[in-house]
Protein backbone atom coordinates (compact mmCIF):
# COMPACT_ATOMS: atom_id res chain seq x y z
CA UNK A 1 19.58 8.47 2.81
CA UNK A 2 23.22 9.64 2.84
CA UNK A 3 25.32 11.48 5.31
CA UNK A 4 26.62 15.07 4.91
CA UNK A 5 29.48 13.95 2.75
CA UNK A 6 27.18 12.07 0.46
CA UNK A 7 29.54 9.14 0.10
CA UNK A 8 27.91 6.61 2.41
CA UNK A 9 24.30 5.73 3.42
CA UNK A 10 23.14 6.80 6.83
CA UNK A 11 21.75 3.86 8.91
CA UNK A 12 17.99 4.13 9.23
CA UNK A 13 16.53 5.29 12.54
CA UNK A 14 14.66 2.88 14.73
CA UNK A 15 11.35 4.42 13.68
CA UNK A 16 12.28 4.18 9.98
CA UNK A 17 13.22 0.53 10.44
CA UNK A 18 9.88 -0.19 12.07
CA UNK A 19 8.00 1.69 9.32
CA UNK A 20 9.85 -0.37 6.69
CA UNK A 21 8.95 -3.56 8.54
CA UNK A 22 5.29 -2.53 8.64
CA UNK A 23 5.30 -1.71 4.90
CA UNK A 24 6.71 -5.18 4.15
CA UNK A 25 4.07 -6.91 6.27
CA UNK A 26 0.61 -7.92 5.18
CA UNK A 27 -0.79 -4.66 6.53
CA UNK A 28 1.52 -2.75 4.22
CA UNK A 29 -0.46 -4.01 1.24
CA UNK A 30 -3.75 -2.59 2.59
CA UNK A 31 -3.10 1.13 3.13
CA UNK A 32 -5.17 2.51 6.06
CA UNK A 33 -7.65 5.11 4.91
CA UNK A 34 -7.94 3.86 1.34
CA UNK A 35 -10.87 2.03 -0.17
CA UNK A 36 -10.56 -1.73 0.37
CA UNK A 37 -10.02 -3.74 -2.80
CA UNK A 38 -9.93 -7.45 -3.46
CA UNK A 39 -6.57 -7.18 -5.24
CA UNK A 40 -4.94 -5.40 -2.27
CA UNK A 41 -6.32 -8.05 0.11
CA UNK A 42 -4.94 -10.73 -2.21
CA UNK A 43 -1.54 -8.99 -2.08
CA UNK A 44 -1.71 -8.95 1.71
CA UNK A 45 -1.98 -12.65 1.71
CA UNK A 46 1.02 -12.99 -0.61
CA UNK A 47 -0.86 -13.22 -3.86
CA UNK A 48 -1.97 -16.47 -5.51
CA UNK A 49 1.45 -18.05 -4.89
CA UNK A 50 1.43 -17.12 -1.23
CA UNK A 51 -2.05 -18.60 -0.80
CA UNK A 52 -1.00 -21.79 -2.44
CA UNK A 53 2.19 -21.98 -0.35
CA UNK A 54 0.16 -21.38 2.83
CA UNK A 55 -2.67 -23.79 2.23
CA UNK A 56 -1.31 -26.65 0.13
CA UNK A 57 0.93 -28.30 2.81
CA UNK A 58 -1.97 -28.26 5.26
CA UNK A 59 -4.35 -29.83 2.69
CA UNK A 60 -1.80 -32.47 1.84
CA UNK A 61 -1.27 -33.31 5.56
CA UNK A 62 -5.04 -33.79 6.09
CA UNK A 63 -5.38 -35.84 2.83
CA UNK A 64 -2.42 -38.11 3.44
CA UNK A 65 -3.25 -38.72 7.07
CA UNK A 66 -6.85 -39.47 6.25
CA UNK A 67 -5.64 -42.19 3.82
CA UNK A 68 -2.69 -43.63 5.68
CA UNK A 69 -3.21 -42.78 9.34
CA UNK A 70 0.57 -42.68 9.45
CA UNK A 71 2.75 -39.91 10.90
CA UNK A 72 5.79 -40.09 8.60
CA UNK A 73 4.19 -39.62 5.20
CA UNK A 74 1.69 -37.13 6.63
CA UNK A 75 4.42 -34.73 7.77
CA UNK A 76 7.26 -35.50 5.32
CA UNK A 77 5.21 -35.02 2.09
CA UNK A 78 4.12 -31.46 3.12
CA UNK A 79 7.76 -30.74 4.13
CA UNK A 80 8.95 -31.88 0.65
CA UNK A 81 6.30 -29.59 -0.94
CA UNK A 82 7.66 -26.64 1.20
CA UNK A 83 11.19 -27.37 0.00
CA UNK A 84 9.87 -27.36 -3.63
CA UNK A 85 8.34 -23.94 -3.05
CA UNK A 86 11.69 -22.59 -1.94
CA UNK A 87 13.49 -24.07 -4.96
CA UNK A 88 10.87 -22.59 -7.31
CA UNK A 89 11.37 -19.16 -5.82
CA UNK A 90 15.16 -19.52 -6.11
CA UNK A 91 14.93 -20.60 -9.73
CA UNK A 92 12.43 -17.79 -10.59
CA UNK A 93 14.44 -15.25 -8.65
CA UNK A 94 11.44 -14.15 -6.56
CA UNK A 95 11.63 -13.27 -2.86
CA UNK A 96 12.44 -16.46 -1.07
CA UNK A 97 11.95 -15.37 2.58
CA UNK A 98 8.20 -16.15 2.76
CA UNK A 99 8.78 -19.71 1.51
CA UNK A 100 11.81 -20.13 3.85
CA UNK A 101 9.67 -19.01 6.84
CA UNK A 102 6.96 -21.50 5.88
CA UNK A 103 9.53 -24.24 5.40
CA UNK A 104 11.03 -23.53 8.82
CA UNK A 105 7.68 -23.76 10.54
CA UNK A 106 6.72 -26.99 8.68
CA UNK A 107 10.20 -28.50 9.40
CA UNK A 108 9.95 -27.81 13.13
CA UNK A 109 6.39 -29.15 13.30
CA UNK A 110 7.35 -32.21 11.31
CA UNK A 111 10.34 -32.84 13.68
CA UNK A 112 7.99 -32.70 16.74
CA UNK A 113 5.65 -35.16 15.15
CA UNK A 114 8.35 -37.57 14.02
CA UNK A 115 10.23 -37.59 17.35
CA UNK A 116 6.98 -38.13 19.32
CA UNK A 117 5.59 -40.59 16.84
CA UNK A 118 2.23 -38.82 16.98
CA UNK A 119 0.96 -36.74 14.02
CA UNK A 120 -0.99 -34.37 16.28
CA UNK A 121 2.27 -33.00 17.59
CA UNK A 122 2.58 -31.38 14.19
CA UNK A 123 0.26 -28.67 15.53
CA UNK A 124 1.97 -27.78 18.82
CA UNK A 125 4.21 -25.09 17.32
CA UNK A 126 1.11 -23.30 16.08
CA UNK A 127 -0.37 -23.38 19.55
CA UNK A 128 2.70 -21.69 21.03
CA UNK A 129 2.80 -19.07 18.28
CA UNK A 130 -0.91 -18.19 18.68
CA UNK A 131 -0.45 -18.05 22.40
CA UNK A 132 2.54 -15.73 22.06
CA UNK A 133 0.44 -13.47 19.82
CA UNK A 134 -2.35 -13.35 22.36
CA UNK A 135 0.03 -12.46 25.15
CA UNK A 136 1.77 -9.76 23.13
CA UNK A 137 -1.56 -8.13 22.02
CA UNK A 138 -2.93 -8.26 25.55
CA UNK A 139 0.20 -6.61 26.91
CA UNK A 140 -0.14 -3.86 24.27
CA UNK A 141 -3.74 -3.27 25.32
CA UNK A 142 -2.89 -3.13 29.01
CA UNK A 143 -0.05 -0.77 28.29
CA UNK A 144 -2.54 1.38 26.26
CA UNK A 145 -0.37 1.02 23.14
CA UNK A 146 -2.60 -1.21 20.95
CA UNK A 147 -0.53 -2.92 18.33
CA UNK A 148 -2.80 -2.10 15.40
CA UNK A 149 -2.52 1.59 16.24
CA UNK A 150 1.23 1.36 16.19
CA UNK A 151 1.22 -0.38 12.82
CA UNK A 152 -1.28 2.05 11.24
CA UNK A 153 0.72 5.00 12.63
CA UNK A 154 3.90 3.69 11.00
CA UNK A 155 2.14 3.02 7.70
CA UNK A 156 0.65 6.43 7.57
CA UNK A 157 3.80 8.20 8.76
CA UNK A 158 2.05 9.87 11.66
CA UNK A 159 4.10 8.24 14.37
CA UNK A 160 2.24 8.29 17.71
CA UNK A 161 -0.13 11.11 16.84
CA UNK A 162 -3.04 8.65 16.66
CA UNK A 163 -2.93 8.25 20.46
CA UNK A 164 -4.07 11.89 20.82
CA UNK A 165 -7.11 11.34 18.66
CA UNK A 166 -9.85 9.68 20.69
CA UNK A 167 -11.60 8.10 17.61
CA UNK A 168 -8.34 6.69 16.21
CA UNK A 169 -7.25 5.35 19.58
CA UNK A 170 -10.69 3.67 20.06
CA UNK A 171 -10.53 1.97 16.66
CA UNK A 172 -6.90 0.94 17.35
CA UNK A 173 -8.01 -0.58 20.65
CA UNK A 174 -11.05 -2.32 19.14
CA UNK A 175 -9.17 -3.82 16.23
CA UNK A 176 -6.37 -5.01 18.47
CA UNK A 177 -9.00 -6.74 20.60
CA UNK A 178 -10.35 -8.25 17.36
CA UNK A 179 -6.99 -9.74 16.50
CA UNK A 180 -6.50 -10.97 20.02
CA UNK A 181 -9.91 -12.77 19.67
CA UNK A 182 -8.84 -14.32 16.44
CA UNK A 183 -5.67 -15.92 17.88
CA UNK A 184 -7.56 -16.91 21.03
CA UNK A 185 -10.31 -18.48 19.00
CA UNK A 186 -7.80 -20.69 17.19
CA UNK A 187 -6.56 -21.97 20.52
CA UNK A 188 -10.10 -22.40 21.96
CA UNK A 189 -11.14 -24.62 19.04
CA UNK A 190 -7.89 -26.46 18.23
CA UNK A 191 -6.46 -27.27 21.61
CA UNK A 192 -9.48 -29.33 22.75
CA UNK A 193 -9.26 -31.25 19.46
CA UNK A 194 -5.59 -31.89 20.17
CA UNK A 195 -6.32 -33.38 23.57
CA UNK A 196 -9.24 -35.35 22.14
CA UNK A 197 -6.80 -36.99 19.63
CA UNK A 198 -8.93 -35.71 16.69
CA UNK A 199 -5.98 -35.18 14.39
CA UNK A 200 -7.97 -34.97 11.15
CA UNK A 201 -10.48 -32.49 12.59
CA UNK A 202 -7.58 -30.53 14.01
CA UNK A 203 -5.96 -30.37 10.55
CA UNK A 204 -9.26 -29.14 9.08
CA UNK A 205 -9.77 -26.58 11.84
CA UNK A 206 -6.33 -25.21 11.28
CA UNK A 207 -6.96 -24.78 7.56
CA UNK A 208 -10.23 -22.96 8.09
CA UNK A 209 -8.94 -20.79 10.93
CA UNK A 210 -5.66 -20.09 9.16
CA UNK A 211 -5.54 -17.95 6.04
CA UNK A 212 -9.34 -17.54 5.60
CA UNK A 213 -9.85 -16.25 9.15
CA UNK A 214 -6.75 -14.04 8.81
CA UNK A 215 -8.17 -12.54 5.63
CA UNK A 216 -11.54 -11.89 7.18
CA UNK A 217 -9.97 -10.26 10.24
CA UNK A 218 -7.73 -8.10 8.07
CA UNK A 219 -10.69 -7.02 6.00
CA UNK A 220 -12.81 -5.97 9.01
CA UNK A 221 -9.73 -4.17 10.48
CA UNK A 222 -9.21 -2.36 7.25
CA UNK A 223 -12.88 -1.23 7.03
CA UNK A 224 -12.83 0.01 10.63
CA UNK A 225 -9.54 1.88 10.23
CA UNK A 226 -10.67 3.38 6.94
CA UNK A 227 -13.87 4.64 8.41
CA UNK A 228 -12.19 6.63 11.18
CA UNK A 229 -9.50 7.99 8.89
CA UNK A 230 -11.96 8.90 6.18
CA UNK A 231 -14.05 10.74 8.82
CA UNK A 232 -11.02 12.63 9.99
CA UNK A 233 -10.06 13.58 6.44
CA UNK A 234 -13.62 14.91 5.83
CA UNK A 235 -13.53 16.98 9.02
CA UNK A 236 -10.19 18.41 7.93
CA UNK A 237 -11.52 19.33 4.48
CA UNK A 238 -14.51 21.13 6.02
CA UNK A 239 -12.21 23.15 8.27
CA UNK A 240 -10.07 24.15 5.30
CA UNK A 241 -13.13 25.28 3.34
CA UNK A 242 -14.37 27.40 6.15
CA UNK A 243 -11.03 29.07 6.59
């Protein structure tokens, strides 16, 4: 977009910036209203590389800790792997931000574990993040602006029109509740394991309730949203034919 003189770009509006952010998120890879496909879901998870970068450090942590029962190697080896992922992206000139975000999370978690001397502290950051998601989603529900509705509205370029459609609003509310339950379930399962000092089980639970649970929740959300938008499109087509 350029200004009237055509010699300099016009800064994007707040809505345009939000729409771009939604497009770049995982949701942006699974267009609401379209038929779900495995390839699109794979893209939403970052592709094969994204899945490996997400799961491998966790697997390594569980494996190393099971063998050594030592904090340092259990957190430092996954951190080294995360650094390697960043270097590979730099060398191959592929987007480095996903790997950097992963590295930052692993580094902070590793620091907490090292400074405390207890490997289970590696999971505390995840508790706080999941708790923050739960709070944010609950606030959006109480404010009657469910987050999933906002994201879908941005992706489809319909702004806030979805709030005036009872069926779309209901699905937005239900799917936002679904995501709230997903993050809450992680806490409900993992926090007791943390306090019970079951570090290995905690690591396994985090793996299972991480990317696999995210993918399942995204798939169900996609199906629900597609159903209501497909129904709306069919009703519009019938109206056009009658006219």
